[in-house]
N, C-alpha and C. Protein backbone atom coordinates (compact mmCIF):
# COMPACT_ATOMS: atom_id res chain seq x y z
N UNK A 1 1.29 -23.47 7.70
CA UNK A 1 2.23 -24.18 8.56
C UNK A 1 3.56 -24.43 7.87
N UNK A 2 3.75 -23.88 6.65
CA UNK A 2 5.01 -24.03 5.94
C UNK A 2 5.13 -25.30 5.12
N UNK A 3 4.09 -26.12 5.10
CA UNK A 3 4.12 -27.38 4.38
C UNK A 3 3.48 -27.20 3.00
N UNK A 4 3.89 -28.02 2.04
CA UNK A 4 3.29 -28.08 0.70
C UNK A 4 3.44 -26.76 -0.05
N UNK A 5 4.66 -26.22 -0.04
CA UNK A 5 4.91 -25.02 -0.84
C UNK A 5 4.82 -25.34 -2.32
N UNK A 6 4.31 -24.39 -3.10
CA UNK A 6 4.22 -24.57 -4.54
C UNK A 6 4.37 -23.23 -5.23
N UNK A 7 5.02 -23.18 -6.40
CA UNK A 7 5.20 -21.91 -7.10
C UNK A 7 3.90 -21.45 -7.76
N UNK A 8 3.68 -20.15 -7.74
CA UNK A 8 2.52 -19.58 -8.41
C UNK A 8 2.93 -18.88 -9.71
N UNK A 9 4.22 -18.61 -9.86
CA UNK A 9 4.74 -18.01 -11.10
C UNK A 9 5.89 -18.86 -11.60
N UNK A 10 6.02 -18.92 -12.94
CA UNK A 10 7.11 -19.67 -13.56
C UNK A 10 7.50 -18.98 -14.85
N UNK A 11 7.81 -17.69 -14.75
CA UNK A 11 8.09 -16.92 -15.96
C UNK A 11 9.55 -16.51 -16.09
N UNK A 12 10.39 -17.02 -15.20
CA UNK A 12 11.83 -16.73 -15.24
C UNK A 12 12.10 -15.24 -15.19
N UNK A 13 11.30 -14.53 -14.42
CA UNK A 13 11.46 -13.09 -14.28
C UNK A 13 11.33 -12.73 -12.81
N UNK A 14 11.48 -11.45 -12.52
CA UNK A 14 11.37 -10.96 -11.15
C UNK A 14 9.90 -10.70 -10.83
N UNK A 15 9.40 -11.30 -9.75
CA UNK A 15 8.01 -11.15 -9.34
C UNK A 15 7.97 -10.71 -7.88
N UNK A 16 7.29 -9.59 -7.61
CA UNK A 16 7.42 -8.91 -6.32
C UNK A 16 6.06 -8.58 -5.70
N UNK A 17 6.09 -8.27 -4.42
CA UNK A 17 5.00 -7.70 -3.61
C UNK A 17 3.64 -8.37 -3.82
N UNK A 18 3.54 -9.67 -3.60
CA UNK A 18 2.23 -10.32 -3.72
C UNK A 18 1.28 -9.85 -2.61
N UNK A 19 0.02 -9.66 -2.96
CA UNK A 19 -0.97 -9.25 -1.98
C UNK A 19 -2.27 -9.98 -2.24
N UNK A 20 -2.84 -10.56 -1.20
CA UNK A 20 -4.04 -11.39 -1.33
C UNK A 20 -5.27 -10.55 -1.65
N UNK A 21 -6.12 -11.09 -2.52
CA UNK A 21 -7.47 -10.55 -2.68
C UNK A 21 -8.27 -10.86 -1.41
N UNK A 22 -9.27 -10.05 -1.08
CA UNK A 22 -10.04 -10.28 0.15
C UNK A 22 -10.67 -11.67 0.24
N UNK A 23 -11.03 -12.27 -0.89
CA UNK A 23 -11.66 -13.59 -0.84
C UNK A 23 -10.64 -14.72 -0.75
N UNK A 24 -9.33 -14.38 -0.78
CA UNK A 24 -8.30 -15.39 -0.62
C UNK A 24 -8.12 -16.31 -1.83
N UNK A 25 -8.66 -15.96 -2.97
CA UNK A 25 -8.59 -16.81 -4.15
C UNK A 25 -7.64 -16.29 -5.23
N UNK A 26 -7.16 -15.06 -5.05
CA UNK A 26 -6.28 -14.46 -6.06
C UNK A 26 -5.18 -13.66 -5.40
N UNK A 27 -4.10 -13.45 -6.15
CA UNK A 27 -2.99 -12.62 -5.70
C UNK A 27 -2.71 -11.56 -6.76
N UNK A 28 -2.59 -10.32 -6.35
CA UNK A 28 -2.06 -9.28 -7.23
C UNK A 28 -0.57 -9.15 -6.93
N UNK A 29 0.23 -8.94 -7.96
CA UNK A 29 1.67 -8.81 -7.76
C UNK A 29 2.28 -8.03 -8.92
N UNK A 30 3.52 -7.65 -8.74
CA UNK A 30 4.26 -6.93 -9.78
C UNK A 30 5.26 -7.88 -10.42
N UNK A 31 5.30 -7.88 -11.75
CA UNK A 31 6.22 -8.75 -12.48
C UNK A 31 6.97 -7.95 -13.54
N UNK A 32 8.23 -8.34 -13.78
CA UNK A 32 9.06 -7.73 -14.81
C UNK A 32 9.06 -8.56 -16.11
N UNK A 33 8.11 -9.46 -16.26
CA UNK A 33 8.13 -10.36 -17.40
C UNK A 33 7.99 -9.63 -18.74
N UNK A 34 7.41 -8.42 -18.72
CA UNK A 34 7.27 -7.65 -19.95
C UNK A 34 8.43 -6.68 -20.16
N UNK A 35 9.41 -6.72 -19.27
CA UNK A 35 10.56 -5.84 -19.37
C UNK A 35 10.49 -4.64 -18.44
N UNK A 36 9.31 -4.34 -17.94
CA UNK A 36 9.12 -3.26 -16.97
C UNK A 36 8.16 -3.76 -15.90
N UNK A 37 8.20 -3.18 -14.71
CA UNK A 37 7.27 -3.64 -13.68
C UNK A 37 5.82 -3.38 -14.07
N UNK A 38 5.02 -4.44 -14.15
CA UNK A 38 3.62 -4.33 -14.55
C UNK A 38 2.74 -5.11 -13.57
N UNK A 39 1.46 -4.81 -13.58
CA UNK A 39 0.51 -5.36 -12.60
C UNK A 39 -0.12 -6.64 -13.13
N UNK A 40 -0.03 -7.70 -12.33
CA UNK A 40 -0.58 -9.01 -12.70
C UNK A 40 -1.48 -9.53 -11.58
N UNK A 41 -2.36 -10.44 -11.95
CA UNK A 41 -3.21 -11.13 -10.98
C UNK A 41 -3.11 -12.63 -11.23
N UNK A 42 -2.81 -13.40 -10.21
CA UNK A 42 -2.81 -14.86 -10.29
C UNK A 42 -4.11 -15.37 -9.70
N UNK A 43 -4.96 -15.97 -10.55
CA UNK A 43 -6.21 -16.58 -10.10
C UNK A 43 -5.90 -18.02 -9.71
N UNK A 44 -5.57 -18.20 -8.45
CA UNK A 44 -4.94 -19.44 -7.99
C UNK A 44 -5.81 -20.66 -8.23
N UNK A 45 -7.08 -20.62 -7.86
CA UNK A 45 -7.93 -21.79 -7.94
C UNK A 45 -8.47 -22.03 -9.34
N UNK A 46 -8.28 -21.06 -10.22
CA UNK A 46 -8.65 -21.24 -11.62
C UNK A 46 -7.44 -21.65 -12.45
N UNK A 47 -6.25 -21.54 -11.87
CA UNK A 47 -5.04 -21.95 -12.57
C UNK A 47 -4.67 -21.07 -13.74
N UNK A 48 -4.94 -19.78 -13.62
CA UNK A 48 -4.61 -18.88 -14.73
C UNK A 48 -4.07 -17.56 -14.20
N UNK A 49 -3.33 -16.87 -15.04
CA UNK A 49 -2.80 -15.56 -14.71
C UNK A 49 -3.37 -14.49 -15.61
N UNK A 50 -3.26 -13.26 -15.20
CA UNK A 50 -3.82 -12.14 -15.95
C UNK A 50 -2.92 -10.93 -15.77
N UNK A 51 -2.60 -10.26 -16.86
CA UNK A 51 -1.88 -9.00 -16.79
C UNK A 51 -2.89 -7.89 -17.01
N UNK A 52 -2.92 -6.91 -16.10
CA UNK A 52 -3.88 -5.83 -16.20
C UNK A 52 -3.29 -4.72 -17.07
N UNK A 53 -4.07 -4.21 -17.96
CA UNK A 53 -3.61 -3.19 -18.89
C UNK A 53 -3.59 -1.83 -18.20
N UNK A 54 -2.44 -1.49 -17.64
CA UNK A 54 -2.29 -0.21 -16.94
C UNK A 54 -1.55 0.83 -17.78
N UNK A 55 -1.30 0.52 -19.05
CA UNK A 55 -0.64 1.47 -19.93
C UNK A 55 0.88 1.39 -19.83
N UNK A 56 1.54 2.38 -20.41
CA UNK A 56 3.00 2.41 -20.40
C UNK A 56 3.51 2.86 -19.02
N UNK A 57 4.83 2.80 -18.85
CA UNK A 57 5.41 3.17 -17.56
C UNK A 57 5.37 2.00 -16.60
N UNK A 58 5.95 2.20 -15.44
CA UNK A 58 5.99 1.13 -14.45
C UNK A 58 4.75 1.17 -13.56
N UNK A 59 4.37 0.00 -13.04
CA UNK A 59 3.28 -0.11 -12.07
C UNK A 59 3.81 -0.84 -10.84
N UNK A 60 3.54 -0.30 -9.66
CA UNK A 60 4.01 -0.90 -8.40
C UNK A 60 2.95 -0.70 -7.32
N UNK A 61 3.18 -1.29 -6.15
CA UNK A 61 2.36 -1.08 -4.95
C UNK A 61 0.89 -1.44 -5.11
N UNK A 62 0.53 -2.64 -5.58
CA UNK A 62 -0.89 -2.98 -5.69
C UNK A 62 -1.56 -3.11 -4.32
N UNK A 63 -2.80 -2.65 -4.24
CA UNK A 63 -3.58 -2.75 -2.99
C UNK A 63 -5.04 -3.00 -3.33
N UNK A 64 -5.59 -4.12 -2.87
CA UNK A 64 -6.98 -4.48 -3.14
C UNK A 64 -7.94 -3.64 -2.31
N UNK A 65 -9.07 -3.30 -2.89
CA UNK A 65 -10.16 -2.71 -2.11
C UNK A 65 -10.75 -3.78 -1.21
N UNK A 66 -11.38 -3.40 -0.09
CA UNK A 66 -11.91 -4.40 0.84
C UNK A 66 -12.93 -5.36 0.23
N UNK A 67 -13.65 -4.91 -0.80
CA UNK A 67 -14.62 -5.80 -1.44
C UNK A 67 -14.05 -6.56 -2.64
N UNK A 68 -12.77 -6.32 -2.94
CA UNK A 68 -12.11 -7.05 -4.01
C UNK A 68 -12.44 -6.58 -5.41
N UNK A 69 -13.19 -5.48 -5.52
CA UNK A 69 -13.63 -5.04 -6.85
C UNK A 69 -12.60 -4.19 -7.57
N UNK A 70 -11.68 -3.57 -6.83
CA UNK A 70 -10.71 -2.66 -7.43
C UNK A 70 -9.31 -2.89 -6.86
N UNK A 71 -8.31 -2.43 -7.59
CA UNK A 71 -6.93 -2.44 -7.12
C UNK A 71 -6.37 -1.04 -7.30
N UNK A 72 -5.87 -0.46 -6.22
CA UNK A 72 -5.15 0.81 -6.30
C UNK A 72 -3.67 0.50 -6.49
N UNK A 73 -2.97 1.36 -7.22
CA UNK A 73 -1.55 1.11 -7.47
C UNK A 73 -0.87 2.42 -7.86
N UNK A 74 0.46 2.39 -7.87
CA UNK A 74 1.28 3.51 -8.31
C UNK A 74 1.74 3.26 -9.73
N UNK A 75 1.71 4.31 -10.56
CA UNK A 75 2.16 4.16 -11.94
C UNK A 75 2.83 5.44 -12.43
N UNK A 76 3.76 5.25 -13.37
CA UNK A 76 4.41 6.39 -14.03
C UNK A 76 3.94 6.51 -15.48
N UNK A 77 2.77 5.99 -15.79
CA UNK A 77 2.29 5.94 -17.17
C UNK A 77 2.16 7.33 -17.80
N UNK A 78 1.93 8.35 -16.98
CA UNK A 78 1.80 9.72 -17.49
C UNK A 78 3.04 10.55 -17.20
N UNK A 79 4.14 9.89 -16.89
CA UNK A 79 5.41 10.57 -16.72
C UNK A 79 5.81 10.87 -15.30
N UNK A 80 4.87 10.75 -14.36
CA UNK A 80 5.17 11.04 -12.96
C UNK A 80 4.55 9.95 -12.09
N UNK A 81 5.05 9.76 -10.91
CA UNK A 81 4.53 8.74 -10.00
C UNK A 81 3.21 9.20 -9.39
N UNK A 82 2.11 8.62 -9.87
CA UNK A 82 0.77 8.98 -9.42
C UNK A 82 0.00 7.74 -8.98
N UNK A 83 -1.13 7.95 -8.31
CA UNK A 83 -1.98 6.84 -7.89
C UNK A 83 -3.11 6.65 -8.89
N UNK A 84 -3.40 5.37 -9.15
CA UNK A 84 -4.45 4.99 -10.08
C UNK A 84 -5.35 3.92 -9.46
N UNK A 85 -6.51 3.77 -10.08
CA UNK A 85 -7.48 2.77 -9.65
C UNK A 85 -7.89 1.98 -10.88
N UNK A 86 -7.99 0.66 -10.74
CA UNK A 86 -8.45 -0.18 -11.83
C UNK A 86 -9.35 -1.27 -11.28
N UNK A 87 -10.37 -1.64 -12.03
CA UNK A 87 -11.21 -2.75 -11.62
C UNK A 87 -10.39 -4.04 -11.63
N UNK A 88 -10.71 -4.96 -10.76
CA UNK A 88 -9.91 -6.17 -10.65
C UNK A 88 -9.96 -7.05 -11.89
N UNK A 89 -10.93 -6.78 -12.80
CA UNK A 89 -10.96 -7.52 -14.06
C UNK A 89 -10.16 -6.82 -15.15
N UNK A 90 -9.52 -5.69 -14.81
CA UNK A 90 -8.68 -4.99 -15.75
C UNK A 90 -9.34 -3.84 -16.48
N UNK A 91 -10.61 -3.56 -16.19
CA UNK A 91 -11.33 -2.47 -16.84
C UNK A 91 -11.36 -1.23 -15.94
N UNK A 92 -11.82 -0.11 -16.51
CA UNK A 92 -12.12 1.08 -15.72
C UNK A 92 -10.91 1.76 -15.10
N UNK A 93 -9.81 1.88 -15.82
CA UNK A 93 -8.62 2.55 -15.28
C UNK A 93 -8.94 4.02 -14.99
N UNK A 94 -8.53 4.49 -13.81
CA UNK A 94 -8.84 5.86 -13.40
C UNK A 94 -7.65 6.44 -12.63
N UNK A 95 -7.30 7.68 -12.95
CA UNK A 95 -6.23 8.37 -12.23
C UNK A 95 -6.80 9.08 -11.01
N UNK A 96 -6.12 8.93 -9.85
CA UNK A 96 -6.62 9.51 -8.61
C UNK A 96 -5.88 10.78 -8.19
N UNK A 97 -4.58 10.86 -8.44
CA UNK A 97 -3.80 12.03 -8.02
C UNK A 97 -3.19 12.72 -9.24
N UNK A 98 -2.93 13.98 -9.08
CA UNK A 98 -2.30 14.74 -10.15
C UNK A 98 -1.46 15.85 -9.53
N UNK A 99 -0.18 15.53 -9.35
CA UNK A 99 0.72 16.47 -8.69
C UNK A 99 2.15 16.18 -9.17
N UNK A 100 2.99 17.19 -9.35
CA UNK A 100 4.35 16.96 -9.84
C UNK A 100 5.24 16.20 -8.88
N UNK A 101 4.83 16.04 -7.63
CA UNK A 101 5.62 15.28 -6.66
C UNK A 101 5.30 13.79 -6.77
N UNK A 102 5.95 12.97 -5.95
CA UNK A 102 5.77 11.52 -5.98
C UNK A 102 4.65 11.12 -5.04
N UNK A 103 3.65 10.42 -5.56
CA UNK A 103 2.57 9.83 -4.77
C UNK A 103 2.69 8.32 -4.89
N UNK A 104 2.66 7.62 -3.76
CA UNK A 104 2.91 6.18 -3.79
C UNK A 104 2.31 5.50 -2.56
N UNK A 105 2.43 4.17 -2.49
CA UNK A 105 2.05 3.34 -1.33
C UNK A 105 0.59 3.50 -0.91
N UNK A 106 -0.37 3.25 -1.80
CA UNK A 106 -1.78 3.38 -1.41
C UNK A 106 -2.23 2.27 -0.47
N UNK A 107 -3.14 2.59 0.43
CA UNK A 107 -3.79 1.59 1.27
C UNK A 107 -5.23 2.02 1.51
N UNK A 108 -6.13 1.06 1.65
CA UNK A 108 -7.56 1.31 1.73
C UNK A 108 -8.05 1.40 3.17
N UNK A 109 -9.08 2.21 3.39
CA UNK A 109 -9.80 2.18 4.65
C UNK A 109 -10.67 0.92 4.65
N UNK A 110 -11.07 0.42 5.83
CA UNK A 110 -11.89 -0.80 5.88
C UNK A 110 -13.26 -0.62 5.24
N UNK A 111 -13.74 0.60 5.10
CA UNK A 111 -15.03 0.84 4.45
C UNK A 111 -14.91 0.86 2.94
N UNK A 112 -13.67 0.99 2.43
CA UNK A 112 -13.47 1.07 1.00
C UNK A 112 -13.79 2.42 0.40
N UNK A 113 -14.02 3.42 1.24
CA UNK A 113 -14.39 4.74 0.74
C UNK A 113 -13.22 5.72 0.72
N UNK A 114 -12.08 5.35 1.35
CA UNK A 114 -10.94 6.25 1.41
C UNK A 114 -9.64 5.49 1.13
N UNK A 115 -8.63 6.23 0.71
CA UNK A 115 -7.31 5.67 0.45
C UNK A 115 -6.27 6.59 1.09
N UNK A 116 -5.37 6.01 1.86
CA UNK A 116 -4.23 6.74 2.40
C UNK A 116 -3.01 6.44 1.54
N UNK A 117 -2.04 7.36 1.51
CA UNK A 117 -0.87 7.16 0.67
C UNK A 117 0.26 8.06 1.15
N UNK A 118 1.44 7.86 0.57
CA UNK A 118 2.61 8.67 0.87
C UNK A 118 2.86 9.65 -0.27
N UNK A 119 3.18 10.91 0.08
CA UNK A 119 3.50 11.91 -0.94
C UNK A 119 4.54 12.87 -0.39
N UNK A 120 5.42 13.34 -1.28
CA UNK A 120 6.41 14.34 -0.87
C UNK A 120 6.03 15.72 -1.42
N UNK A 121 4.74 15.96 -1.61
CA UNK A 121 4.28 17.22 -2.19
C UNK A 121 4.53 18.44 -1.31
N UNK A 122 4.87 18.22 -0.05
CA UNK A 122 5.21 19.33 0.84
C UNK A 122 6.71 19.39 1.11
N UNK A 123 7.50 18.64 0.31
CA UNK A 123 8.95 18.68 0.42
C UNK A 123 9.57 17.43 0.99
N UNK A 124 8.87 16.73 1.88
CA UNK A 124 9.36 15.48 2.46
C UNK A 124 8.19 14.49 2.50
N UNK A 125 8.45 13.20 2.44
CA UNK A 125 7.37 12.22 2.44
C UNK A 125 6.49 12.34 3.69
N UNK A 126 5.20 12.47 3.47
CA UNK A 126 4.22 12.53 4.54
C UNK A 126 3.01 11.69 4.15
N UNK A 127 2.13 11.44 5.11
CA UNK A 127 0.96 10.60 4.88
C UNK A 127 -0.25 11.49 4.59
N UNK A 128 -1.00 11.12 3.55
CA UNK A 128 -2.21 11.84 3.15
C UNK A 128 -3.36 10.83 3.01
N UNK A 129 -4.57 11.35 2.99
CA UNK A 129 -5.75 10.53 2.74
C UNK A 129 -6.69 11.27 1.81
N UNK A 130 -7.47 10.52 1.05
CA UNK A 130 -8.46 11.09 0.14
C UNK A 130 -9.57 10.07 -0.04
N UNK A 131 -10.69 10.49 -0.65
CA UNK A 131 -11.72 9.51 -0.96
C UNK A 131 -11.38 8.84 -2.28
N UNK A 132 -12.12 7.81 -2.64
CA UNK A 132 -11.76 7.00 -3.80
C UNK A 132 -12.07 7.70 -5.13
N UNK A 133 -12.60 8.91 -5.07
CA UNK A 133 -12.75 9.73 -6.27
C UNK A 133 -11.56 10.66 -6.46
N UNK A 134 -10.61 10.62 -5.52
CA UNK A 134 -9.46 11.50 -5.56
C UNK A 134 -9.73 12.86 -4.96
N UNK A 135 -10.87 13.01 -4.28
CA UNK A 135 -11.27 14.28 -3.68
C UNK A 135 -11.07 14.24 -2.17
N UNK A 136 -11.35 15.38 -1.52
CA UNK A 136 -11.23 15.50 -0.06
C UNK A 136 -9.82 15.13 0.42
N UNK A 137 -8.82 15.60 -0.30
CA UNK A 137 -7.43 15.32 0.06
C UNK A 137 -7.05 16.05 1.34
N UNK A 138 -6.41 15.36 2.26
CA UNK A 138 -5.98 15.98 3.51
C UNK A 138 -4.70 15.32 4.01
N UNK A 139 -3.89 16.11 4.68
CA UNK A 139 -2.64 15.59 5.25
C UNK A 139 -2.93 14.97 6.61
N UNK A 140 -2.33 13.80 6.85
CA UNK A 140 -2.52 13.08 8.11
C UNK A 140 -1.36 13.28 9.06
N UNK A 141 -0.13 13.14 8.57
CA UNK A 141 1.04 13.18 9.45
C UNK A 141 1.64 14.58 9.50
N UNK A 142 1.90 15.05 10.71
CA UNK A 142 2.56 16.34 10.93
C UNK A 142 3.78 16.19 11.83
N UNK A 143 3.85 15.09 12.56
CA UNK A 143 5.01 14.82 13.40
C UNK A 143 5.97 13.91 12.64
N UNK A 144 7.27 14.17 12.78
CA UNK A 144 8.26 13.37 12.07
C UNK A 144 8.67 14.02 10.76
N UNK A 145 9.95 13.90 10.43
CA UNK A 145 10.49 14.53 9.22
C UNK A 145 10.29 13.68 7.98
N UNK A 146 9.96 12.39 8.15
CA UNK A 146 9.82 11.47 7.02
C UNK A 146 8.85 10.39 7.46
N UNK A 147 7.70 10.30 6.79
CA UNK A 147 6.68 9.32 7.13
C UNK A 147 6.30 8.51 5.89
N UNK A 148 6.18 7.19 6.05
CA UNK A 148 5.99 6.33 4.89
C UNK A 148 5.27 5.04 5.29
N UNK A 149 4.87 4.25 4.28
CA UNK A 149 4.30 2.91 4.43
C UNK A 149 3.03 2.89 5.28
N UNK A 150 1.99 3.66 4.91
CA UNK A 150 0.76 3.64 5.70
C UNK A 150 0.02 2.31 5.58
N UNK A 151 -0.64 1.93 6.65
CA UNK A 151 -1.46 0.72 6.67
C UNK A 151 -2.68 1.01 7.54
N UNK A 152 -3.87 0.89 6.95
CA UNK A 152 -5.12 1.24 7.63
C UNK A 152 -5.63 0.04 8.43
N UNK A 153 -5.99 0.25 9.66
CA UNK A 153 -6.51 -0.84 10.49
C UNK A 153 -7.78 -1.42 9.85
N UNK A 154 -7.92 -2.74 9.83
CA UNK A 154 -9.13 -3.35 9.28
C UNK A 154 -10.34 -3.22 10.20
N UNK A 155 -10.11 -2.76 11.43
CA UNK A 155 -11.21 -2.64 12.39
C UNK A 155 -12.13 -1.49 12.02
N UNK A 156 -13.43 -1.76 11.96
CA UNK A 156 -14.41 -0.69 11.72
C UNK A 156 -14.78 0.02 13.02
N UNK A 157 -14.41 -0.56 14.15
CA UNK A 157 -14.72 0.06 15.44
C UNK A 157 -13.74 1.16 15.78
N UNK A 158 -12.45 0.94 15.46
CA UNK A 158 -11.42 1.93 15.76
C UNK A 158 -10.73 2.32 14.45
N UNK A 159 -10.97 3.53 13.98
CA UNK A 159 -10.38 3.98 12.72
C UNK A 159 -8.97 4.50 12.99
N UNK A 160 -7.97 3.68 12.63
CA UNK A 160 -6.58 4.02 12.91
C UNK A 160 -5.71 3.70 11.70
N UNK A 161 -4.59 4.41 11.64
CA UNK A 161 -3.63 4.24 10.55
C UNK A 161 -2.25 4.11 11.17
N UNK A 162 -1.51 3.08 10.80
CA UNK A 162 -0.14 2.94 11.28
C UNK A 162 0.82 3.23 10.13
N UNK A 163 1.98 3.76 10.45
CA UNK A 163 3.00 4.03 9.44
C UNK A 163 4.36 4.17 10.13
N UNK A 164 5.42 4.20 9.31
CA UNK A 164 6.77 4.37 9.82
C UNK A 164 7.12 5.86 9.83
N UNK A 165 7.66 6.33 10.94
CA UNK A 165 7.93 7.76 11.10
C UNK A 165 9.36 7.98 11.59
N UNK A 166 10.05 8.89 10.94
CA UNK A 166 11.39 9.29 11.41
C UNK A 166 11.22 10.51 12.28
N UNK A 167 11.49 10.35 13.56
CA UNK A 167 11.26 11.40 14.54
C UNK A 167 12.59 11.98 15.00
N UNK A 168 12.73 13.29 14.90
CA UNK A 168 13.94 14.00 15.35
C UNK A 168 15.21 13.42 14.73
N UNK A 169 15.18 13.17 13.41
CA UNK A 169 16.33 12.71 12.64
C UNK A 169 16.87 11.37 13.10
N UNK A 170 16.15 10.66 13.91
CA UNK A 170 16.59 9.35 14.36
C UNK A 170 16.15 8.27 13.39
N UNK A 171 16.24 7.00 13.80
CA UNK A 171 15.76 5.91 12.95
C UNK A 171 14.23 5.92 12.88
N UNK A 172 13.69 5.09 12.03
CA UNK A 172 12.23 5.02 11.91
C UNK A 172 11.62 4.29 13.09
N UNK A 173 10.45 4.75 13.51
CA UNK A 173 9.66 4.07 14.52
C UNK A 173 8.23 3.90 14.02
N UNK A 174 7.52 2.96 14.61
CA UNK A 174 6.14 2.68 14.24
C UNK A 174 5.21 3.54 15.08
N UNK A 175 4.32 4.26 14.40
CA UNK A 175 3.34 5.10 15.09
C UNK A 175 1.94 4.74 14.61
N UNK A 176 0.94 5.13 15.39
CA UNK A 176 -0.47 4.91 15.03
C UNK A 176 -1.21 6.23 15.15
N UNK A 177 -1.95 6.57 14.10
CA UNK A 177 -2.77 7.79 14.09
C UNK A 177 -4.23 7.39 14.29
N UNK A 178 -4.89 8.07 15.24
CA UNK A 178 -6.29 7.82 15.54
C UNK A 178 -7.13 8.89 14.85
N UNK A 179 -7.99 8.49 13.90
CA UNK A 179 -8.78 9.46 13.15
C UNK A 179 -9.82 10.17 14.02
N UNK A 180 -10.27 9.52 15.08
CA UNK A 180 -11.29 10.14 15.93
C UNK A 180 -10.71 11.24 16.81
N UNK A 181 -9.57 10.94 17.44
CA UNK A 181 -8.96 11.92 18.35
C UNK A 181 -7.95 12.82 17.63
N UNK A 182 -7.56 12.41 16.40
CA UNK A 182 -6.51 13.12 15.64
C UNK A 182 -5.19 13.17 16.41
N UNK A 183 -4.95 12.15 17.23
CA UNK A 183 -3.72 12.03 17.99
C UNK A 183 -2.87 10.88 17.46
N UNK A 184 -1.54 11.01 17.62
CA UNK A 184 -0.60 9.98 17.19
C UNK A 184 0.12 9.40 18.40
N UNK A 185 0.21 8.09 18.46
CA UNK A 185 0.96 7.45 19.54
C UNK A 185 2.10 6.63 18.95
N UNK A 186 3.23 6.67 19.61
CA UNK A 186 4.44 5.99 19.14
C UNK A 186 4.54 4.62 19.80
N UNK A 187 4.70 3.57 18.99
CA UNK A 187 4.70 2.20 19.52
C UNK A 187 6.09 1.65 19.77
N UNK A 188 7.09 2.09 19.00
CA UNK A 188 8.46 1.60 19.18
C UNK A 188 9.36 2.79 19.48
N UNK A 189 10.44 2.53 20.18
CA UNK A 189 11.38 3.61 20.48
C UNK A 189 12.72 3.04 20.93
N UNK A 190 13.80 3.61 20.41
CA UNK A 190 15.13 3.35 20.94
C UNK A 190 15.79 2.05 20.55
N UNK A 191 15.15 1.22 19.72
CA UNK A 191 15.77 -0.05 19.36
C UNK A 191 15.69 -0.26 17.85
N UNK A 192 16.75 0.08 17.15
CA UNK A 192 16.83 -0.15 15.72
C UNK A 192 15.91 0.75 14.92
N UNK A 193 15.89 0.50 13.60
CA UNK A 193 14.98 1.21 12.70
C UNK A 193 13.81 0.28 12.40
N UNK A 194 12.59 0.77 12.59
CA UNK A 194 11.40 -0.06 12.50
C UNK A 194 10.50 0.46 11.38
N UNK A 195 10.17 -0.41 10.40
CA UNK A 195 9.48 0.04 9.19
C UNK A 195 8.46 -0.99 8.71
N UNK A 196 7.74 -0.62 7.64
CA UNK A 196 6.80 -1.50 6.91
C UNK A 196 5.76 -2.16 7.82
N UNK A 197 4.99 -1.39 8.57
CA UNK A 197 4.00 -2.00 9.46
C UNK A 197 2.79 -2.53 8.70
N UNK A 198 2.17 -3.55 9.25
CA UNK A 198 0.94 -4.11 8.71
C UNK A 198 0.09 -4.68 9.83
N UNK A 199 -1.23 -4.62 9.68
CA UNK A 199 -2.16 -5.05 10.74
C UNK A 199 -2.50 -6.53 10.63
N UNK A 200 -2.79 -7.14 11.77
CA UNK A 200 -3.41 -8.46 11.76
C UNK A 200 -4.86 -8.30 11.31
N UNK A 201 -5.50 -9.36 10.80
CA UNK A 201 -6.87 -9.25 10.29
C UNK A 201 -7.88 -8.74 11.31
N UNK A 202 -7.63 -8.96 12.61
CA UNK A 202 -8.58 -8.49 13.62
C UNK A 202 -8.24 -7.10 14.15
N UNK A 203 -7.15 -6.50 13.65
CA UNK A 203 -6.80 -5.15 14.06
C UNK A 203 -6.19 -5.03 15.44
N UNK A 204 -5.79 -6.14 16.05
CA UNK A 204 -5.27 -6.11 17.42
C UNK A 204 -3.74 -6.10 17.47
N UNK A 205 -3.10 -6.49 16.39
CA UNK A 205 -1.64 -6.57 16.39
C UNK A 205 -1.07 -5.92 15.14
N UNK A 206 0.20 -5.52 15.22
CA UNK A 206 0.91 -4.93 14.10
C UNK A 206 2.23 -5.67 13.91
N UNK A 207 2.50 -6.07 12.68
CA UNK A 207 3.77 -6.70 12.34
C UNK A 207 4.63 -5.69 11.59
N UNK A 208 5.94 -5.74 11.75
CA UNK A 208 6.81 -4.77 11.10
C UNK A 208 8.23 -5.33 11.01
N UNK A 209 9.06 -4.70 10.20
CA UNK A 209 10.46 -5.10 10.10
C UNK A 209 11.30 -4.21 11.00
N UNK A 210 12.42 -4.75 11.50
CA UNK A 210 13.26 -3.99 12.42
C UNK A 210 14.72 -4.42 12.28
N UNK A 211 15.63 -3.47 12.51
CA UNK A 211 17.05 -3.76 12.54
C UNK A 211 17.55 -3.91 13.96
N UNK A 212 16.66 -4.10 14.92
CA UNK A 212 17.06 -4.10 16.34
C UNK A 212 18.03 -5.22 16.69
N UNK A 213 18.06 -6.29 15.88
CA UNK A 213 19.01 -7.37 16.16
C UNK A 213 20.25 -7.28 15.27
N UNK A 214 20.35 -6.18 14.53
CA UNK A 214 21.54 -5.96 13.71
C UNK A 214 21.29 -6.15 12.22
C-alpha cells in the first residue's frame, strides 16, 4: 500500500533490477559495490546480504527458478555475454549458452524445466528457449525484426510467453506466443512504444511500460 518504506541496501552504490525469490523472503539484485555489476541476494528476514561468486566480468538480469533453488543470469565472465545458472546459495555455477553472439534476459517456465531468453545469433535480437541443461535450443519468435524481454506465463494451464516485438519497423508492441498452437497474438497496436512486459501471478494480466502518453 506504499506505507512503511525501508531501505534494503545501504552501500552508497548503484543497485538495480531487484527480483523476488518465490518464497518472498529474499531479493536478488545487481550491485556496483565491487566496481562492476555483480549478483547479490538480500535475505530480508534474516537481515543479511550475500554476494554470489559468479567470477570476473559483469553479471546482470537475475531470474529465480520457480522453486527458488537456482538463479539464471547473464554474465561476461568468459569474455562474451552468455547465460549462466547458479544455486541460490552461491554454489554450482554452470554455463548454459556458448555462442559468439549476445545471449541475455533469461526467464523461467513455470515448471522450472525450460528457460527463454533473447539472442542476436541470427543477426537481430530474437526469442529462444532451451531446457535448463542448455540443450534442446529452439527459436520462438519469427515475426518482427527485433524481439526482446521475454516473460513466461506462470500459468501451468496455458503455456504462453509474452515479449516486446518491433513489427514492420514501427515501435515496439506487446505480443504473446502460445506454445500449444505455435501462434502469436498482438496485444497492443498504434499507441506509443510498448516494452518490458511481465505477468501477474495468476497469469491473467500483463503489465508493461509505454510511451503512449509521451
